[in-house]
Amino acid sequence: LADPLPAAIHLYVENIRDEVGDDPAGFREEVRTTLLHEIGHYLGLDEDDLDARGIG
């Protein structure tokens, strides 16, 4: 890894809201899953690795 942490992870809130609607619990879960997914990519995991971990 070039840097110890990514400079930033951008979450597109409107896209997440479009996906889950007005469900606050669904929104929180989708944010969590998306964040873990992006951290996984930063750590070098590919889509198959992420799918195996339930965050694909």
N, C-alpha and C. Protein backbone atom coordinates (compact mmCIF):
# COMPACT_ATOMS: atom_id res chain seq x y z
N LEU A 1 0.85 -1.19 0.00
CA LEU A 1 0.00 0.00 0.00
C LEU A 1 0.88 1.24 0.00
N ALA A 2 0.56 2.16 -0.85
CA ALA A 2 1.35 3.38 -0.95
C ALA A 2 1.15 4.27 0.26
N ASP A 3 -0.08 4.41 0.71
CA ASP A 3 -0.40 5.24 1.86
C ASP A 3 -1.05 4.37 2.92
N PRO A 4 -0.89 4.72 4.20
CA PRO A 4 -1.51 3.90 5.24
C PRO A 4 -3.03 3.92 5.21
N LEU A 5 -3.62 5.01 4.77
CA LEU A 5 -5.07 5.14 4.69
C LEU A 5 -5.45 5.86 3.41
N PRO A 6 -6.62 5.58 2.85
CA PRO A 6 -7.04 6.34 1.67
C PRO A 6 -7.28 7.79 2.04
N ALA A 7 -7.03 8.67 1.10
CA ALA A 7 -7.25 10.08 1.35
C ALA A 7 -8.73 10.37 1.62
N ALA A 8 -9.60 9.69 0.88
CA ALA A 8 -11.03 9.91 1.06
C ALA A 8 -11.81 8.79 0.37
N ILE A 9 -12.95 8.49 0.93
CA ILE A 9 -13.92 7.61 0.28
C ILE A 9 -15.17 8.45 0.13
N HIS A 10 -15.65 8.57 -1.09
CA HIS A 10 -16.83 9.38 -1.36
C HIS A 10 -18.05 8.48 -1.46
N LEU A 11 -19.04 8.76 -0.65
CA LEU A 11 -20.31 8.05 -0.72
C LEU A 11 -21.34 8.98 -1.35
N TYR A 12 -22.02 8.50 -2.35
CA TYR A 12 -23.00 9.31 -3.05
C TYR A 12 -24.37 9.08 -2.40
N VAL A 13 -24.68 9.97 -1.47
CA VAL A 13 -25.85 9.83 -0.61
C VAL A 13 -27.15 9.74 -1.41
N GLU A 14 -27.28 10.54 -2.42
CA GLU A 14 -28.52 10.51 -3.22
C GLU A 14 -28.68 9.16 -3.92
N ASN A 15 -27.59 8.59 -4.40
CA ASN A 15 -27.69 7.27 -5.03
C ASN A 15 -28.11 6.22 -4.00
N ILE A 16 -27.58 6.32 -2.80
CA ILE A 16 -27.95 5.37 -1.74
C ILE A 16 -29.42 5.56 -1.38
N ARG A 17 -29.85 6.81 -1.26
CA ARG A 17 -31.27 7.07 -0.96
C ARG A 17 -32.18 6.54 -2.07
N ASP A 18 -31.76 6.70 -3.30
CA ASP A 18 -32.54 6.16 -4.42
C ASP A 18 -32.66 4.64 -4.31
N GLU A 19 -31.62 4.01 -3.84
CA GLU A 19 -31.60 2.54 -3.72
C GLU A 19 -32.49 2.04 -2.59
N VAL A 20 -32.46 2.70 -1.43
CA VAL A 20 -33.16 2.18 -0.24
C VAL A 20 -34.45 2.94 0.09
N GLY A 21 -34.67 4.06 -0.54
CA GLY A 21 -35.88 4.84 -0.24
C GLY A 21 -35.76 5.55 1.10
N ASP A 22 -36.87 5.66 1.80
CA ASP A 22 -36.93 6.43 3.04
C ASP A 22 -36.72 5.59 4.30
N ASP A 23 -36.14 4.43 4.16
CA ASP A 23 -35.92 3.53 5.29
C ASP A 23 -34.60 3.87 5.99
N PRO A 24 -34.65 4.49 7.18
CA PRO A 24 -33.40 4.87 7.87
C PRO A 24 -32.48 3.68 8.17
N ALA A 25 -33.05 2.56 8.59
CA ALA A 25 -32.22 1.38 8.89
C ALA A 25 -31.57 0.85 7.60
N GLY A 26 -32.34 0.84 6.52
CA GLY A 26 -31.80 0.41 5.23
C GLY A 26 -30.69 1.33 4.75
N PHE A 27 -30.87 2.62 4.97
CA PHE A 27 -29.86 3.61 4.59
C PHE A 27 -28.56 3.36 5.36
N ARG A 28 -28.67 3.19 6.67
CA ARG A 28 -27.47 2.94 7.49
C ARG A 28 -26.76 1.67 7.03
N GLU A 29 -27.52 0.62 6.77
CA GLU A 29 -26.92 -0.65 6.35
C GLU A 29 -26.24 -0.51 4.99
N GLU A 30 -26.86 0.22 4.08
CA GLU A 30 -26.26 0.40 2.75
C GLU A 30 -24.99 1.24 2.85
N VAL A 31 -24.98 2.27 3.70
CA VAL A 31 -23.76 3.07 3.90
C VAL A 31 -22.66 2.17 4.47
N ARG A 32 -23.00 1.36 5.46
CA ARG A 32 -22.02 0.45 6.07
C ARG A 32 -21.45 -0.50 5.03
N THR A 33 -22.31 -1.13 4.25
CA THR A 33 -21.87 -2.09 3.25
C THR A 33 -21.01 -1.41 2.19
N THR A 34 -21.42 -0.25 1.73
CA THR A 34 -20.67 0.47 0.71
C THR A 34 -19.29 0.87 1.23
N LEU A 35 -19.24 1.36 2.45
CA LEU A 35 -17.96 1.76 3.04
C LEU A 35 -17.03 0.56 3.18
N LEU A 36 -17.54 -0.56 3.70
CA LEU A 36 -16.72 -1.76 3.81
C LEU A 36 -16.25 -2.25 2.45
N HIS A 37 -17.12 -2.17 1.46
CA HIS A 37 -16.78 -2.57 0.09
C HIS A 37 -15.60 -1.74 -0.43
N GLU A 38 -15.69 -0.43 -0.26
CA GLU A 38 -14.63 0.45 -0.77
C GLU A 38 -13.33 0.27 0.00
N ILE A 39 -13.40 0.05 1.29
CA ILE A 39 -12.19 -0.24 2.07
C ILE A 39 -11.58 -1.55 1.59
N GLY A 40 -12.43 -2.52 1.30
CA GLY A 40 -11.93 -3.78 0.76
C GLY A 40 -11.15 -3.59 -0.52
N HIS A 41 -11.67 -2.77 -1.43
CA HIS A 41 -10.93 -2.49 -2.67
C HIS A 41 -9.59 -1.84 -2.35
N TYR A 42 -9.58 -0.91 -1.43
CA TYR A 42 -8.34 -0.24 -1.05
C TYR A 42 -7.31 -1.25 -0.54
N LEU A 43 -7.79 -2.27 0.16
CA LEU A 43 -6.90 -3.29 0.72
C LEU A 43 -6.53 -4.37 -0.29
N GLY A 44 -7.04 -4.22 -1.52
CA GLY A 44 -6.63 -5.12 -2.59
C GLY A 44 -7.58 -6.26 -2.88
N LEU A 45 -8.76 -6.26 -2.28
CA LEU A 45 -9.73 -7.32 -2.55
C LEU A 45 -10.44 -7.06 -3.87
N ASP A 46 -10.70 -8.12 -4.62
CA ASP A 46 -11.47 -7.97 -5.85
C ASP A 46 -12.94 -8.30 -5.57
N GLU A 47 -13.77 -8.22 -6.60
CA GLU A 47 -15.21 -8.42 -6.42
C GLU A 47 -15.53 -9.81 -5.87
N ASP A 48 -14.81 -10.82 -6.32
CA ASP A 48 -15.05 -12.18 -5.80
C ASP A 48 -14.74 -12.26 -4.30
N ASP A 49 -13.63 -11.63 -3.89
CA ASP A 49 -13.27 -11.61 -2.46
C ASP A 49 -14.36 -10.90 -1.65
N LEU A 50 -14.84 -9.79 -2.17
CA LEU A 50 -15.86 -9.01 -1.46
C LEU A 50 -17.18 -9.79 -1.39
N ASP A 51 -17.54 -10.45 -2.49
CA ASP A 51 -18.75 -11.27 -2.49
C ASP A 51 -18.66 -12.37 -1.43
N ALA A 52 -17.50 -12.99 -1.32
CA ALA A 52 -17.31 -14.07 -0.35
C ALA A 52 -17.46 -13.57 1.08
N ARG A 53 -17.23 -12.27 1.29
CA ARG A 53 -17.35 -11.67 2.61
C ARG A 53 -18.71 -11.01 2.84
N GLY A 54 -19.58 -11.11 1.84
CA GLY A 54 -20.92 -10.54 1.97
C GLY A 54 -21.01 -9.05 1.77
N ILE A 55 -19.99 -8.48 1.16
CA ILE A 55 -20.00 -7.03 0.91
C ILE A 55 -19.74 -6.73 -0.56
N GLY A 56 -20.20 -7.61 -1.43
CA GLY A 56 -19.97 -7.50 -2.87
C GLY A 56 -20.81 -6.58 -3.56
